[in-house]
Protein backbone atom coordinates (compact mmCIF):
# COMPACT_ATOMS: atom_id res chain seq x y z
CA MET A 1 60.69 78.09 123.66
CA SER A 2 58.19 75.72 122.09
CA LYS A 3 58.93 72.89 119.68
CA GLU A 4 57.12 74.76 116.91
CA THR A 5 59.25 77.86 117.46
CA ASN A 6 62.43 75.78 117.46
CA ALA A 7 61.33 74.02 114.29
CA ARG A 8 60.56 77.36 112.61
CA ILE A 9 63.94 78.82 113.56
CA ILE A 10 65.74 75.68 112.40
CA ALA A 11 63.88 75.82 109.08
CA GLN A 12 64.79 79.51 108.63
CA LEU A 13 68.43 78.80 109.46
CA ASP A 14 68.43 75.85 107.06
CA ALA A 15 67.12 78.04 104.23
CA LEU A 16 69.62 80.76 105.09
CA LEU A 17 72.49 78.27 104.98
CA GLU A 18 71.36 77.15 101.52
CA THR A 19 71.27 80.79 100.40
CA GLU A 20 74.75 81.30 101.83
CA ARG A 21 76.05 78.20 100.03
CA ALA A 22 74.67 79.38 96.70
CA ALA A 23 76.25 82.80 97.24
CA LEU A 24 79.59 81.20 98.10
CA LEU A 25 79.49 79.11 94.93
CA ARG A 26 78.63 82.21 92.86
CA GLY A 27 81.20 84.36 94.62
CA ASP A 28 78.54 86.90 95.62
CA LEU A 29 80.28 88.59 98.55
CA GLN A 30 77.43 91.03 99.20
CA VAL A 31 74.91 88.25 99.83
CA ILE A 32 77.42 86.46 102.04
CA ALA A 33 77.90 89.60 104.12
CA ASP A 34 74.13 90.08 104.37
CA THR A 35 73.58 86.54 105.66
CA VAL A 36 76.04 86.92 108.56
CA ALA A 37 73.80 89.17 110.68
CA LYS A 38 70.72 87.06 109.99
CA LYS A 39 72.60 83.87 110.81
CA GLU A 40 73.92 85.32 114.07
CA GLN A 41 70.44 86.41 115.08
CA LEU A 42 68.86 83.03 114.35
CA ILE A 43 71.63 81.13 116.12
CA GLY A 44 71.35 83.47 119.10
CA THR A 45 67.61 82.89 119.27
CA LEU A 46 68.11 79.15 118.97
CA ASN A 47 70.71 79.22 121.77
CA THR A 48 68.23 80.80 124.19
CA GLY A 49 65.90 77.82 123.84
CA VAL A 50 66.49 74.14 124.30
CA ALA A 51 66.96 72.33 121.01
CA ARG A 52 67.47 68.63 120.64
CA GLN A 53 70.77 67.46 119.24
CA ALA A 54 69.00 65.40 116.58
CA ASP A 55 67.24 68.53 115.30
CA LEU A 56 70.57 70.32 114.87
CA SER A 57 72.58 67.58 113.13
CA GLY A 58 71.51 68.68 109.64
CA LEU A 59 72.40 72.26 110.42
CA HIS A 60 75.78 71.21 111.77
CA HIS A 61 76.60 69.47 108.48
CA LYS A 62 75.57 72.52 106.45
CA LEU A 63 77.50 74.89 108.70
CA ARG A 64 80.67 72.80 108.27
CA ARG A 65 80.14 72.62 104.49
CA ASN A 66 79.68 76.38 104.22
CA GLN A 67 82.70 77.01 106.44
CA ALA A 68 84.85 74.90 104.11
CA LEU A 69 83.56 76.88 101.12
CA LEU A 70 84.19 80.16 102.92
CA ASP A 71 87.73 79.08 103.82
CA GLY A 72 88.38 78.25 100.17
CA ALA A 73 87.00 81.61 99.04
CA LEU A 74 89.20 83.46 101.54
CA GLN A 75 92.24 81.50 100.40
CA GLY A 76 91.47 82.48 96.81
CA ILE A 77 91.07 86.15 97.74
CA ARG A 78 94.40 86.09 99.56
CA ALA A 79 96.09 84.49 96.53
CA VAL A 80 94.67 87.15 94.21
CA SER A 81 95.77 89.88 96.59
CA ALA A 82 99.32 88.50 96.69
CA ARG A 83 99.39 88.23 92.91
CA ILE A 84 98.24 91.83 92.46
CA ALA A 85 100.88 92.99 94.96
CA ALA A 86 103.53 91.11 92.95
CA TYR A 87 102.40 92.83 89.73
CA ARG A 88 102.58 96.22 91.42
CA GLN A 89 106.10 95.47 92.61
CA VAL A 90 107.18 94.47 89.09
CA ARG A 91 105.85 97.76 87.76
CA LYS A 92 108.03 99.65 90.25
CA SER A 93 111.17 97.58 89.76
CA MET A 94 112.29 94.12 88.84
CA ASP A 95 114.99 92.09 90.56
CA THR A 96 117.25 89.85 88.52
CA TYR A 97 120.76 88.39 88.75
CA ASP A 98 123.86 88.96 86.64
CA ARG A 99 126.37 86.34 85.39
CA GLU A 100 128.23 86.34 88.69
CA GLY A 101 125.04 85.81 90.70
CA ARG A 102 124.79 89.37 92.02
CA LYS A 103 121.33 90.77 92.45
CA LEU A 104 120.41 93.63 90.12
CA THR A 105 117.39 95.87 90.39
CA ILE A 106 115.94 97.23 87.19
CA PRO A 107 113.82 100.31 87.91
CA GLY A 108 110.39 100.42 86.33
CA ASP A 109 109.46 103.23 84.01
CA ILE A 110 106.00 104.48 84.89
CA SER A 111 104.96 107.28 82.61
CA ARG A 112 102.08 109.33 83.93
CA LYS A 113 101.96 111.86 81.14
CA VAL A 114 98.85 112.59 79.16
CA GLU A 115 99.26 113.74 75.63
CA LYS A 116 96.56 115.95 74.19
CA ARG A 117 96.03 116.10 70.48
CA ALA A 118 93.86 118.52 68.63
């Protein structure tokens, strides 16, 4: 692979990493998902050639930065998921304790009736 080809691929990957970063900061999960296949393809193409370490140092920094942002986004999604699960559980029943410290379960009242009025 020629130097020009390597430089072009590195430039494309650099631009893609900037797009991915912007999507991570916006929380645009669709764009993030779209960049994965493109990123894999460019990295695969770059791996088939011989690239100098100095040429890849900027990409390495951006990859690490984006990975940290992605880890934070996943942690936030997991937290939201746990919170929603807790709300669902409270709707079904709520656990509390009486004066003696015994656990009591208060069943939730979920009404699924629809009232029609004329």
